[in-house]
Amino acid sequence: MNNQGTAVAPATQVINTPQTGNIFVNAQPWSLTLSDNLRATFVFDREGRPVSCFLNGCNYRFGLSGQVLMKVSRPGAPRFRRLLSADESVQLHATVRDEVARIAAGIAGAISDELQAWLAQVLAWDEARVRVDRERFLRIYRPVSIVPPDQYRALVLQVTEGCSWNRCSFCSFYRDRRFRIKTAAALREHIRQVKDFLGRGISLRRSIFLGDANALIVPQPRLRELFAVIHEEFPAGAEGPSPDLYAFLDIFGAARKSAEQYAELRDYGLRRVYIGLESGDEAVFRLLNKPGSPQQGVEMVAQLKAVGLQVGIILLAGAGGADLARRHVARSLAALSAMELGTGDLVYISPLLVPDDSDYARRARTLGLAPLSAAELTAQLEELKTGARAATGGRPRVALYHIEEWLY
């Protein structure tokens, strides 16, 4: 992580006053954390922008887009997640400001001038500033639909917009936009707008994710130009994300580049490629209307790993429903085994979530395929997760991927 800057020293303090009790303060070069008697916790970036908080038993994550995600975990109950309404978001921002104002007043005589200035920045995020920030974001970005979980703290640069395939039956992320590749000049302007928008808050971003759905399909001469712009705008050692690059790539797009071209992208800083395999079974693959084939996915991984790139493989629990469940699991695990994944690679298991009016649901009904029940879906998630670890010898990290937990 190339985040530079000076932390407010000491980095961690416990301040006790009659007004506040114990206040835990952790000031890092990239974030400020305040915890009120371990009852409530608030995290802010270097601009004072709220990042997350724990309050009244609920976890909240604040997106740059202005959305707020609430998550609640209680023993013996399934995790609950939802996006707050606009009115709820306004109220939460006001509550956070009130809590921080109370804390700041109580510890004012026990903290440095630098920390006092940071708290003043936090308190400057009133309703009007939050609204302006959201409007600026919407001018800079098209919707940032999804990134892999290990890239939730990445800086997203929309090298492309939309998806070059955009016909998978289960996915509606990019239906509202045409696929577009930015020119080098347009990408440079996009980056400069992003940097101006984030300000010192960019220090919280750990890597660079190339949006949107299939950025590496860009023809190599153009991609070379775009990578060069990124490295010019984010030189090694500068404040902000490291120059390590990550991106999605569909199976059908992989064949458009040679091993030498992937090696060139590796030398430009590409570190990991994420592949939506979804299933190792041909019938399920066709139901999902994925381009390519599971076997081509295995061959794609071999090509990428041969030049030293890491991969992230995504499987869909529930794909194919109850009728195809056995073959979906068995052939997906066989595909993982054939990929010879290693340390640094990732396997994500994501539950299939589709509305009743999706192309996938209509196809499944036409074929008479019954969806998994909630209990069966949970069981298949665990079966795939456990099986993936066994099939890969425990070398790559295997984790669940809940797409409804994402916001940018």
Foldseek 3Di string as FASTA:
>chain_A
DLADDDWFPPQWDWDAFPQQGTWIWGTDSFWIWIARVVAKIWIAGQQLHTAWMQHPQWIWGQFLLRKIKIWHDDPPDDIDIDIDDNVVSLVVLVVVLVVLVSVCVRCVVPGDPVVNVSSVSNNVPHPVNSVVSNVLVVVLDDFQQFDFPVQLLAAEQAQKAADPVCPFQQDDRRVVDDIGGDALVRSLVSVVSVCVSCPLNLLSHAEYEYDDAANVLPPLVRVVSNLVSLCVSPPRNDRHYHHAYEYEHELVSLVVDALVSLLVVVVSRHAEYEYELQFLDQVLCVLRVGPDHLVSVLVSLVSNVVSPHAYEYEYEQFRQAPVCNVVRLVRRLVSLLSNLHAAPHEYEYEYRDHDCPTSSNVSCVVVVHHTYDPVRSVVRSVSNQVSNCVSNVNGHYYYYTYSSPHDD
